Protein backbone atom coordinates (compact mmCIF):
# COMPACT_ATOMS: atom_id res chain seq x y z
CA MET A 1 -45.12 17.64 28.88
CA TYR A 2 -43.52 20.95 28.11
CA ALA A 3 -44.67 23.92 26.32
CA ARG A 4 -42.95 26.47 24.18
CA LEU A 5 -45.02 29.68 23.64
CA VAL A 6 -43.67 32.16 21.12
CA SER A 7 -45.62 35.43 20.70
CA PHE A 8 -44.85 37.81 17.90
CA ASN A 9 -46.28 40.80 16.11
CA LEU A 10 -47.35 40.38 12.50
CA LYS A 11 -46.38 42.29 9.49
CA ALA A 12 -49.25 43.53 7.21
CA ILE A 13 -49.60 40.35 5.15
CA ARG A 14 -52.05 38.27 3.24
CA PRO A 15 -54.02 36.18 5.82
CA GLU A 16 -52.77 33.05 4.33
CA GLU A 17 -49.00 33.74 4.24
CA LEU A 18 -48.50 32.74 7.85
CA THR A 19 -50.41 29.51 7.47
CA GLU A 20 -48.27 28.77 4.21
CA THR A 21 -44.91 29.72 6.26
CA PHE A 22 -45.67 27.37 9.01
CA GLU A 23 -47.00 24.61 6.77
CA LYS A 24 -43.94 24.69 4.16
CA ASP A 25 -41.13 25.82 6.39
CA ILE A 26 -41.70 25.48 9.91
CA LEU A 27 -43.88 22.45 10.53
CA PRO A 28 -41.35 20.01 8.50
CA LEU A 29 -38.50 21.15 10.86
CA LEU A 30 -40.49 20.71 14.06
CA GLN A 31 -41.72 17.41 12.93
CA LYS A 32 -38.27 16.16 12.71
CA GLN A 33 -37.22 17.02 16.08
CA SER A 34 -37.06 14.58 18.92
CA GLY A 35 -39.82 15.01 21.34
CA PHE A 36 -42.15 17.33 19.54
CA THR A 37 -45.65 16.44 19.83
CA ASP A 38 -47.93 19.29 18.44
CA GLU A 39 -48.18 22.93 17.31
CA ILE A 40 -50.89 25.21 18.00
CA THR A 41 -50.93 28.72 16.20
CA CYS A 42 -53.34 31.42 17.16
CA VAL A 43 -53.83 34.67 15.51
CA SER A 44 -55.62 37.57 16.93
CA PRO A 45 -58.79 38.89 15.14
CA ASP A 46 -57.13 41.94 13.96
CA ARG A 47 -54.23 39.72 12.47
CA LYS A 48 -51.47 41.77 14.16
CA ASN A 49 -50.47 39.39 16.57
CA ALA A 50 -50.02 35.72 16.81
CA VAL A 51 -49.03 33.00 19.28
CA ALA A 52 -47.33 29.78 18.40
CA ILE A 53 -47.32 26.91 21.10
CA SER A 54 -45.28 23.76 20.47
CA LEU A 55 -45.58 20.80 22.61
CA TRP A 56 -42.86 18.47 23.66
CA GLU A 57 -42.45 15.48 25.68
CA ARG A 58 -39.64 16.85 27.70
CA LYS A 59 -38.13 20.23 28.26
CA GLU A 60 -34.67 19.15 27.19
CA GLN A 61 -35.98 18.24 23.87
CA ALA A 62 -37.55 21.87 23.41
CA ASP A 63 -34.35 23.27 24.73
CA ALA A 64 -32.37 21.29 21.87
CA TYR A 65 -34.60 22.53 19.29
CA SER A 66 -34.37 26.14 20.65
CA ARG A 67 -30.38 25.84 20.58
CA ASP A 68 -30.40 23.94 17.25
CA THR A 69 -33.07 24.64 14.84
CA TYR A 70 -34.96 27.57 16.11
CA PRO A 71 -32.53 30.13 14.44
CA GLN A 72 -33.57 28.52 11.01
CA VAL A 73 -37.27 29.20 12.00
CA LEU A 74 -36.63 32.76 12.74
CA LYS A 75 -35.11 33.10 9.41
CA SER A 76 -38.54 31.63 7.88
CA LEU A 77 -40.47 33.82 10.21
CA ALA A 78 -38.66 37.07 8.98
CA ARG A 79 -40.87 37.74 6.02
CA VAL A 80 -44.02 37.61 8.31
CA VAL A 81 -43.09 38.86 11.53
CA GLU A 82 -42.22 42.38 12.69
CA GLY A 83 -39.62 42.71 15.33
CA THR A 84 -38.23 39.89 17.42
CA PRO A 85 -40.44 37.15 18.90
CA GLU A 86 -40.73 36.42 22.74
CA VAL A 87 -40.15 32.98 23.71
CA ARG A 88 -41.38 31.50 26.96
CA GLY A 89 -41.49 28.04 28.38
CA TYR A 90 -43.86 26.18 30.57
CA ASP A 91 -44.39 22.88 32.27
CA VAL A 92 -47.66 21.24 31.26
CA PRO A 93 -49.35 19.90 34.21
CA VAL A 94 -53.01 19.28 32.65
CA SER A 95 -53.86 18.83 29.27
CA THR A 96 -56.54 17.06 27.23
CA PHE A 97 -53.89 16.40 24.49
CA HIS A 98 -52.41 13.70 26.79
CA ARG A 99 -55.61 12.02 26.82
CA THR A 100 -56.55 12.56 23.10
CA ALA A 101 -53.03 11.31 21.75
CA ALA A 102 -53.27 8.13 23.86
CA THR A 103 -56.48 7.17 22.38
CA ARG A 104 -55.44 7.72 18.63
């Protein structure tokens, strides 16, 4: 499994604007991607920063998303994000998601 972590600063927005952007614009794009397994989005208590973690079966699939679809995601995020998001990738050696997904 591979994780793609995107951290970003939020504009002064209504609390539900980030959720709406992810649910209406970003999640449908992610769900169409080969190898995509899950998305977790975390927002700081002061609502100034957020982290989005997408989980992928393999690094190559996350790389294809980064290259082919992420530019469209950035356009959707522009209305809620201030500045340029920082993207990092990680191998996932341990995760309870593996076990949880297998039992569904």
